[in-house]
N, C-alpha and C. Protein backbone atom coordinates (compact mmCIF):
# COMPACT_ATOMS: atom_id res chain seq x y z
N MET A 1 142.62 115.99 68.02
CA MET A 1 142.72 114.80 68.60
C MET A 1 142.99 114.80 70.14
N GLN A 2 143.76 115.72 70.47
CA GLN A 2 144.18 115.71 71.98
C GLN A 2 142.97 116.34 72.79
N ARG A 3 142.27 117.21 72.15
CA ARG A 3 141.14 117.71 72.90
C ARG A 3 139.86 116.68 72.92
N ARG A 4 139.90 115.93 72.03
CA ARG A 4 138.81 114.76 71.97
C ARG A 4 139.23 113.74 73.24
N ARG A 5 140.55 113.44 73.30
CA ARG A 5 141.02 112.34 74.34
C ARG A 5 140.85 113.21 75.71
N GLN A 6 141.07 114.53 75.82
CA GLN A 6 141.03 115.10 77.11
C GLN A 6 139.39 115.14 77.38
N PHE A 7 138.54 115.40 76.54
CA PHE A 7 137.06 115.38 76.80
C PHE A 7 136.60 114.06 77.20
N LEU A 8 137.18 112.92 76.55
CA LEU A 8 136.59 111.67 76.87
C LEU A 8 137.19 111.33 78.30
N GLY A 9 138.48 111.54 78.55
CA GLY A 9 139.02 111.45 79.95
C GLY A 9 138.17 112.19 80.91
N THR A 10 137.75 113.10 80.67
CA THR A 10 136.88 114.11 81.77
C THR A 10 135.61 113.37 81.81
N ALA A 11 134.94 112.91 80.77
CA ALA A 11 133.65 112.30 80.87
C ALA A 11 133.58 110.96 81.53
N ILE A 12 134.77 110.31 81.30
CA ILE A 12 134.87 109.07 82.04
C ILE A 12 135.02 109.27 83.59
N ALA A 13 135.85 110.19 83.83
CA ALA A 13 136.01 110.47 85.27
C ALA A 13 134.85 111.05 85.92
N ALA A 14 133.92 111.77 85.36
CA ALA A 14 132.61 112.17 85.80
C ALA A 14 131.71 111.05 85.95
N LEU A 15 131.71 110.09 84.99
CA LEU A 15 130.84 108.99 85.03
C LEU A 15 131.39 108.22 86.19
N ALA A 16 132.53 107.91 86.38
CA ALA A 16 133.04 106.97 87.33
C ALA A 16 132.74 107.54 88.93
N ALA A 17 132.74 108.94 88.97
CA ALA A 17 132.39 109.73 90.26
C ALA A 17 130.91 109.43 90.39
N THR A 18 130.19 109.52 89.42
CA THR A 18 128.88 109.42 89.61
C THR A 18 128.35 107.87 90.04
N LEU A 19 129.07 106.96 89.50
CA LEU A 19 128.71 105.62 89.65
C LEU A 19 129.37 105.23 91.04
N ALA A 20 130.17 106.04 91.67
CA ALA A 20 130.90 105.70 93.09
C ALA A 20 130.15 106.50 94.16
N SER A 21 129.26 107.33 93.91
CA SER A 21 128.54 108.03 94.68
C SER A 21 127.52 107.33 95.54
N PRO A 22 127.64 107.25 96.95
CA PRO A 22 127.01 106.53 97.81
C PRO A 22 125.42 106.86 97.80
N ALA A 23 125.05 108.20 97.31
CA ALA A 23 123.69 108.57 97.33
C ALA A 23 123.01 108.38 96.04
N LEU A 24 123.65 107.85 95.07
CA LEU A 24 123.19 107.53 93.83
C LEU A 24 121.72 107.14 93.72
N GLY A 25 120.87 107.98 92.94
CA GLY A 25 119.51 107.61 92.94
C GLY A 25 118.78 107.59 94.22
N ASN A 26 119.35 107.92 95.27
CA ASN A 26 118.64 107.97 96.62
C ASN A 26 118.60 109.20 97.21
N PRO A 27 118.18 110.40 96.77
CA PRO A 27 118.34 111.55 97.47
C PRO A 27 117.76 111.67 98.92
N HIS A 28 117.11 110.69 99.35
CA HIS A 28 116.28 110.43 100.56
C HIS A 28 117.15 109.76 101.67
N ALA A 29 118.41 109.40 101.27
CA ALA A 29 119.19 108.60 102.19
C ALA A 29 119.24 109.10 103.49
N LYS A 30 119.13 110.50 103.72
CA LYS A 30 119.42 111.09 104.94
C LYS A 30 118.00 111.56 105.45
N GLY A 31 117.05 111.37 104.62
CA GLY A 31 115.66 111.87 105.05
C GLY A 31 115.03 111.27 106.38
N LYS A 32 113.89 111.83 106.79
CA LYS A 32 113.32 111.39 108.11
C LYS A 32 112.34 110.27 107.78
N PHE A 33 112.76 109.18 107.99
CA PHE A 33 111.74 107.86 107.79
C PHE A 33 111.39 107.30 109.23
N ALA A 34 110.50 106.64 109.12
CA ALA A 34 110.24 105.86 110.42
C ALA A 34 111.19 104.94 110.86
N VAL A 35 111.79 104.11 110.00
CA VAL A 35 113.02 103.28 110.28
C VAL A 35 114.19 103.77 109.99
N ARG A 36 115.12 104.09 110.98
CA ARG A 36 116.49 104.66 110.69
C ARG A 36 117.33 103.91 111.55
N MET A 37 118.59 103.74 110.77
CA MET A 37 119.67 103.12 111.48
C MET A 37 120.90 103.72 110.96
N THR A 38 121.97 103.57 111.70
CA THR A 38 123.37 103.92 111.23
C THR A 38 123.78 103.11 109.98
N LYS A 39 124.66 103.75 109.30
CA LYS A 39 125.27 102.83 108.23
C LYS A 39 125.82 101.49 108.79
N ALA A 40 126.52 101.42 109.89
CA ALA A 40 127.02 100.17 110.38
C ALA A 40 125.79 99.17 110.70
N GLN A 41 124.95 99.78 111.30
CA GLN A 41 123.81 99.00 111.62
C GLN A 41 123.07 98.37 110.30
N TRP A 42 122.75 99.13 109.30
CA TRP A 42 122.21 98.78 107.97
C TRP A 42 123.20 97.67 107.51
N LYS A 43 124.40 97.93 107.45
CA LYS A 43 125.48 96.87 106.80
C LYS A 43 125.33 95.37 107.53
N THR A 44 125.08 95.74 108.96
CA THR A 44 124.97 94.39 109.77
C THR A 44 123.74 93.68 109.28
N LYS A 45 122.60 94.37 109.38
CA LYS A 45 121.29 93.93 109.19
C LYS A 45 121.24 93.28 107.60
N LEU A 46 121.62 94.16 106.58
CA LEU A 46 121.39 93.55 105.44
C LEU A 46 122.52 92.68 104.58
N GLY A 47 123.74 92.80 104.93
CA GLY A 47 124.74 92.16 104.44
C GLY A 47 125.14 92.98 103.23
N ALA A 48 126.34 92.76 102.61
CA ALA A 48 126.87 93.62 101.64
C ALA A 48 126.20 93.87 100.30
N LYS A 49 125.61 92.65 99.91
CA LYS A 49 124.89 92.78 98.50
C LYS A 49 123.55 93.75 98.84
N ARG A 50 122.68 93.29 99.72
CA ARG A 50 121.51 94.13 100.03
C ARG A 50 121.78 95.57 100.40
N PHE A 51 122.80 95.79 101.30
CA PHE A 51 123.40 96.97 101.48
C PHE A 51 123.63 97.84 100.32
N HIS A 52 124.25 97.17 99.36
CA HIS A 52 124.63 97.92 98.31
C HIS A 52 123.38 98.61 97.41
N ILE A 53 122.42 97.72 97.25
CA ILE A 53 121.09 97.81 96.53
C ILE A 53 120.46 99.01 97.39
N LEU A 54 119.88 98.62 98.60
CA LEU A 54 118.99 99.59 99.23
C LEU A 54 119.66 100.70 99.82
N ARG A 55 120.81 100.82 100.35
CA ARG A 55 121.41 101.99 100.95
C ARG A 55 122.32 102.74 100.08
N GLU A 56 122.86 102.18 99.04
CA GLU A 56 123.69 102.78 97.95
C GLU A 56 123.22 102.90 96.43
N ALA A 57 122.01 102.55 96.43
CA ALA A 57 121.19 102.76 95.13
C ALA A 57 121.96 101.87 94.01
N GLY A 58 122.37 100.83 94.51
CA GLY A 58 122.94 99.73 93.42
C GLY A 58 122.00 99.10 92.70
N THR A 59 122.52 98.24 91.54
CA THR A 59 121.46 97.60 90.77
C THR A 59 122.09 96.24 90.73
N GLU A 60 121.33 95.22 90.85
CA GLU A 60 121.64 93.81 90.69
C GLU A 60 121.79 93.25 89.32
N ARG A 61 122.50 92.44 88.91
CA ARG A 61 122.50 92.07 87.40
C ARG A 61 121.17 91.41 87.05
N ALA A 62 120.73 91.75 85.76
CA ALA A 62 119.59 91.39 85.30
C ALA A 62 119.30 89.75 85.29
N TYR A 63 118.24 89.18 85.59
CA TYR A 63 118.04 87.86 85.69
C TYR A 63 118.72 87.02 86.67
N SER A 64 119.42 87.87 87.72
CA SER A 64 120.05 87.08 88.91
C SER A 64 119.16 86.91 90.06
N SER A 65 117.91 87.48 90.09
CA SER A 65 117.08 87.26 91.22
C SER A 65 115.99 86.08 90.99
N PRO A 66 115.88 85.32 92.03
CA PRO A 66 114.79 84.16 92.07
C PRO A 66 113.44 84.81 91.98
N LEU A 67 113.40 86.01 92.68
CA LEU A 67 112.02 86.70 92.60
C LEU A 67 111.59 87.08 91.41
N ASN A 68 112.37 87.16 90.11
CA ASN A 68 111.83 87.37 88.90
C ASN A 68 111.03 86.35 88.39
N ASP A 69 111.10 85.14 88.81
CA ASP A 69 110.35 84.06 88.59
C ASP A 69 109.32 83.59 89.63
N GLU A 70 109.19 84.32 90.60
CA GLU A 70 108.19 84.04 91.59
C GLU A 70 106.70 84.18 91.14
N LYS A 71 105.89 83.21 91.23
CA LYS A 71 104.55 83.32 90.76
C LYS A 71 103.47 82.86 91.72
N ARG A 72 103.94 82.60 92.99
CA ARG A 72 102.81 82.38 94.06
C ARG A 72 102.25 83.54 94.44
N ALA A 73 101.18 83.34 95.03
CA ALA A 73 100.28 84.44 95.65
C ALA A 73 100.96 84.91 96.73
N GLY A 74 101.07 86.27 97.12
CA GLY A 74 101.70 86.68 98.31
C GLY A 74 101.89 88.07 98.02
N THR A 75 102.88 88.63 98.96
CA THR A 75 103.27 89.98 99.01
C THR A 75 104.74 90.15 99.09
N PHE A 76 105.26 91.26 98.37
CA PHE A 76 106.57 91.43 98.26
C PHE A 76 106.83 92.70 99.40
N HIS A 77 107.63 92.23 100.38
CA HIS A 77 108.08 93.17 101.14
C HIS A 77 109.60 93.94 101.17
N CYS A 78 109.69 95.22 101.88
CA CYS A 78 110.95 95.46 101.86
C CYS A 78 111.95 94.78 102.63
N ALA A 79 113.22 94.58 102.02
CA ALA A 79 114.15 93.57 102.70
C ALA A 79 114.91 94.38 103.72
N GLY A 80 114.60 95.85 103.74
CA GLY A 80 115.31 96.55 104.85
C GLY A 80 114.35 96.76 106.06
N CYS A 81 113.13 97.05 106.03
CA CYS A 81 112.24 97.16 107.22
C CYS A 81 110.95 96.31 107.23
N ASP A 82 110.88 95.36 106.09
CA ASP A 82 109.67 94.60 106.22
C ASP A 82 108.35 95.19 105.78
N ALA A 83 108.39 96.27 105.26
CA ALA A 83 106.99 96.99 105.04
C ALA A 83 106.47 96.15 103.72
N PRO A 84 105.08 95.93 103.57
CA PRO A 84 104.76 95.32 102.41
C PRO A 84 104.62 96.43 101.42
N LEU A 85 105.12 96.17 100.17
CA LEU A 85 105.09 97.22 99.08
C LEU A 85 104.33 96.74 97.79
N PHE A 86 104.49 95.50 97.39
CA PHE A 86 103.79 95.08 96.09
C PHE A 86 103.13 93.78 96.38
N SER A 87 101.72 93.61 95.70
CA SER A 87 101.05 92.42 95.87
C SER A 87 101.41 91.67 94.57
N SER A 88 101.46 90.35 94.80
CA SER A 88 101.62 89.42 93.67
C SER A 88 100.55 89.68 92.48
N LEU A 89 99.33 90.19 92.78
CA LEU A 89 98.42 90.18 91.86
C LEU A 89 98.94 91.35 90.80
N THR A 90 99.84 92.39 91.21
CA THR A 90 100.32 93.29 90.13
C THR A 90 101.66 93.05 89.45
N LYS A 91 102.30 91.79 89.85
CA LYS A 91 103.39 91.27 89.21
C LYS A 91 103.19 90.79 87.77
N TYR A 92 104.09 91.04 86.92
CA TYR A 92 104.07 90.64 85.64
C TYR A 92 105.43 90.31 85.00
N ASP A 93 105.53 89.59 84.00
CA ASP A 93 106.89 89.43 83.26
C ASP A 93 107.13 90.41 82.28
N SER A 94 108.09 91.56 82.64
CA SER A 94 108.14 92.47 81.80
C SER A 94 109.42 92.13 80.81
N ARG A 95 109.97 90.95 80.98
CA ARG A 95 111.09 90.57 80.12
C ARG A 95 112.39 91.52 80.14
N THR A 96 112.58 92.10 81.32
CA THR A 96 113.68 92.95 81.61
C THR A 96 114.88 92.24 82.39
N GLY A 97 114.44 91.44 83.16
CA GLY A 97 115.30 90.61 84.02
C GLY A 97 114.95 91.10 85.33
N TRP A 98 114.29 91.72 85.92
CA TRP A 98 114.00 92.40 87.21
C TRP A 98 112.58 92.06 87.51
N PRO A 99 112.19 91.72 88.69
CA PRO A 99 110.70 91.73 89.31
C PRO A 99 110.09 92.88 88.78
N SER A 100 108.89 92.93 88.09
CA SER A 100 108.23 93.99 87.76
C SER A 100 106.61 94.01 88.26
N PHE A 101 106.21 95.14 88.50
CA PHE A 101 104.85 95.27 88.80
C PHE A 101 104.18 96.44 88.15
N TRP A 102 102.84 96.51 87.96
CA TRP A 102 102.09 97.60 87.37
C TRP A 102 101.59 98.47 88.29
N ASP A 103 101.67 98.22 89.64
CA ASP A 103 101.14 99.03 90.72
C ASP A 103 101.93 98.77 91.88
N ALA A 104 102.11 99.78 92.73
CA ALA A 104 102.64 99.56 94.14
C ALA A 104 101.42 99.59 95.07
N MET A 105 101.65 99.15 96.40
CA MET A 105 100.65 99.34 97.30
C MET A 105 100.57 100.81 97.74
N ASP A 106 99.42 101.20 98.03
CA ASP A 106 99.07 102.69 98.34
C ASP A 106 99.82 103.30 99.44
N GLY A 107 100.75 104.27 99.16
CA GLY A 107 101.45 105.13 100.22
C GLY A 107 102.74 104.30 100.62
N ARG A 108 103.04 103.16 100.18
CA ARG A 108 104.22 102.25 100.50
C ARG A 108 105.46 102.80 99.79
N VAL A 109 105.45 103.30 98.73
CA VAL A 109 106.57 103.41 97.80
C VAL A 109 106.57 104.90 97.42
N GLY A 110 107.92 105.57 97.77
CA GLY A 110 108.16 106.98 97.41
C GLY A 110 108.79 107.08 95.98
N TYR A 111 108.82 108.38 95.60
CA TYR A 111 109.52 108.40 94.12
C TYR A 111 110.28 109.85 94.22
N ALA A 112 111.40 109.63 93.45
CA ALA A 112 112.24 110.82 93.30
C ALA A 112 112.77 110.88 91.87
N LYS A 113 113.00 112.13 91.53
CA LYS A 113 113.86 112.29 90.14
C LYS A 113 115.21 111.88 90.22
N ASP A 114 115.55 110.98 89.31
CA ASP A 114 117.06 110.44 89.38
C ASP A 114 117.77 110.85 88.06
N THR A 115 118.80 111.72 88.29
CA THR A 115 119.35 112.07 86.86
C THR A 115 120.76 111.53 86.70
N SER A 116 120.90 110.36 87.54
CA SER A 116 122.20 109.76 87.31
C SER A 116 122.43 109.07 85.97
N LEU A 117 123.72 108.82 85.61
CA LEU A 117 123.99 108.02 84.40
C LEU A 117 123.43 108.80 83.10
N PHE A 118 123.44 110.00 83.26
CA PHE A 118 123.04 111.08 82.02
C PHE A 118 121.77 110.83 81.46
N MET A 119 120.70 110.27 82.30
CA MET A 119 119.41 110.21 81.88
C MET A 119 118.39 110.76 83.02
N VAL A 120 117.29 110.84 82.77
CA VAL A 120 116.22 111.16 83.76
C VAL A 120 115.29 109.91 84.05
N ARG A 121 115.33 109.59 85.22
CA ARG A 121 114.35 108.30 85.52
C ARG A 121 113.74 108.69 86.73
N ILE A 122 112.49 107.84 87.21
CA ILE A 122 111.96 108.04 88.39
C ILE A 122 112.42 106.84 89.51
N GLU A 123 113.17 107.36 90.45
CA GLU A 123 113.64 106.27 91.33
C GLU A 123 112.55 106.10 92.39
N GLU A 124 112.50 104.71 92.88
CA GLU A 124 111.55 104.35 93.81
C GLU A 124 112.19 104.05 95.00
N HIS A 125 111.78 104.45 96.30
CA HIS A 125 112.25 103.85 97.66
C HIS A 125 111.14 103.61 98.53
N CYS A 126 111.59 102.57 99.50
CA CYS A 126 110.63 102.45 100.52
C CYS A 126 110.26 103.64 101.32
N ALA A 127 109.10 103.79 101.51
CA ALA A 127 108.30 105.06 102.08
C ALA A 127 108.73 104.97 103.61
N ARG A 128 108.99 103.87 104.12
CA ARG A 128 109.20 103.60 105.62
C ARG A 128 110.60 103.80 106.06
N CYS A 129 111.59 103.22 105.18
CA CYS A 129 113.00 103.35 105.49
C CYS A 129 113.87 103.94 104.48
N GLY A 130 113.37 104.34 103.33
CA GLY A 130 114.03 105.12 102.38
C GLY A 130 114.91 104.17 101.54
N GLY A 131 114.90 102.90 101.70
CA GLY A 131 115.69 102.14 100.92
C GLY A 131 115.42 102.11 99.49
N HIS A 132 116.41 102.11 98.62
CA HIS A 132 116.35 102.15 97.15
C HIS A 132 115.80 100.93 96.57
N LEU A 133 114.67 100.91 95.82
CA LEU A 133 114.04 99.82 95.32
C LEU A 133 114.44 99.43 93.89
N GLY A 134 114.31 100.35 93.07
CA GLY A 134 114.57 100.40 91.56
C GLY A 134 113.97 101.64 90.93
N HIS A 135 113.39 101.57 89.85
CA HIS A 135 112.76 102.65 89.01
C HIS A 135 111.48 102.37 88.41
N ARG A 136 110.70 103.51 88.10
CA ARG A 136 109.38 103.27 87.50
C ARG A 136 109.39 103.92 86.11
N PHE A 137 108.85 103.09 85.27
CA PHE A 137 108.93 103.61 83.87
C PHE A 137 107.57 103.73 83.35
N SER A 138 107.10 104.33 82.29
CA SER A 138 105.81 104.47 81.80
C SER A 138 105.59 103.68 80.52
N ASP A 139 106.01 102.34 80.38
CA ASP A 139 106.01 101.50 79.40
C ASP A 139 105.32 99.98 79.92
N GLY A 140 104.58 100.10 80.97
CA GLY A 140 103.91 99.06 81.60
C GLY A 140 102.59 98.76 80.89
N PRO A 141 102.00 97.55 81.52
CA PRO A 141 100.76 97.16 80.97
C PRO A 141 99.58 98.07 81.59
N LYS A 142 98.38 97.84 81.15
CA LYS A 142 97.10 98.46 81.76
C LYS A 142 96.87 97.76 83.12
N PRO A 143 96.44 98.32 84.02
CA PRO A 143 95.45 99.60 83.79
C PRO A 143 96.33 100.70 84.10
N THR A 144 97.50 100.81 84.57
CA THR A 144 98.39 101.95 85.06
C THR A 144 99.15 102.31 83.98
N GLY A 145 99.73 101.44 83.16
CA GLY A 145 100.59 101.95 82.13
C GLY A 145 102.14 101.96 82.77
N LYS A 146 102.25 101.67 83.92
CA LYS A 146 103.56 101.81 84.88
C LYS A 146 104.28 100.54 84.79
N ARG A 147 105.64 100.75 84.93
CA ARG A 147 106.28 99.32 85.13
C ARG A 147 107.36 99.76 86.22
N HIS A 148 107.06 99.05 87.36
CA HIS A 148 107.92 99.38 88.55
C HIS A 148 109.07 98.16 88.60
N CYS A 149 110.12 98.60 88.04
CA CYS A 149 111.22 97.52 87.70
C CYS A 149 112.18 97.71 89.07
N ILE A 150 111.98 96.61 89.92
CA ILE A 150 112.56 96.37 91.22
C ILE A 150 113.62 95.39 91.33
N ASN A 151 114.82 95.82 92.03
CA ASN A 151 115.68 94.79 92.40
C ASN A 151 115.14 93.76 93.22
N GLY A 152 115.49 92.51 92.91
CA GLY A 152 115.08 91.53 93.57
C GLY A 152 115.78 91.53 95.06
N LEU A 153 116.84 91.91 95.31
CA LEU A 153 117.53 91.93 96.58
C LEU A 153 117.02 92.98 97.52
N SER A 154 116.17 94.01 96.94
CA SER A 154 115.50 94.93 97.63
C SER A 154 114.20 94.41 98.44
N LEU A 155 113.83 93.21 97.92
CA LEU A 155 112.48 92.63 98.33
C LEU A 155 112.74 91.42 98.97
N ARG A 156 111.60 90.97 99.89
CA ARG A 156 111.51 89.50 100.53
C ARG A 156 110.03 89.05 100.24
N PHE A 157 109.86 87.93 99.61
CA PHE A 157 108.49 87.61 99.38
C PHE A 157 107.93 86.66 100.57
N LYS A 158 106.82 87.02 100.66
CA LYS A 158 105.95 86.40 101.77
C LYS A 158 104.71 85.67 101.10
N PRO A 159 104.80 84.29 100.95
CA PRO A 159 103.51 83.58 100.32
C PRO A 159 102.34 83.83 101.23
N ALA A 160 101.22 83.84 100.46
CA ALA A 160 99.82 84.02 101.07
C ALA A 160 99.49 82.93 102.08
């Protein structure tokens, strides 16, 4: 029983350390991107919530973003650097609580292996500034079969 408690305590401590890691899900945080700023500059530009999502690879609460219900024609841009990332033509309701797309604009989104939270996922980041967007899964609709599950706070919508 004592070994079990010790194992659980160690596992919980490891999980807490993983969750507290500022580079969680974004191994490119120090990469060479066209748009670069200091941590203080990003915090000032983005505000606390967006900073947590884009620069610390956080995740917003499901169904909390108004962009989840956005249905107008237009383009979804990176909230960090304003790069266009997703067309409204590829947006669909995945019923997951986050804005979802079946494709990204060519060359605008980068991908990395994310092994946090004891699973393997494909992390998505803005190819221009390195900001964390969300994750890509292989359970989306045709024609790609992909689901780009994106934090609404990492995006800004510009109507057509």
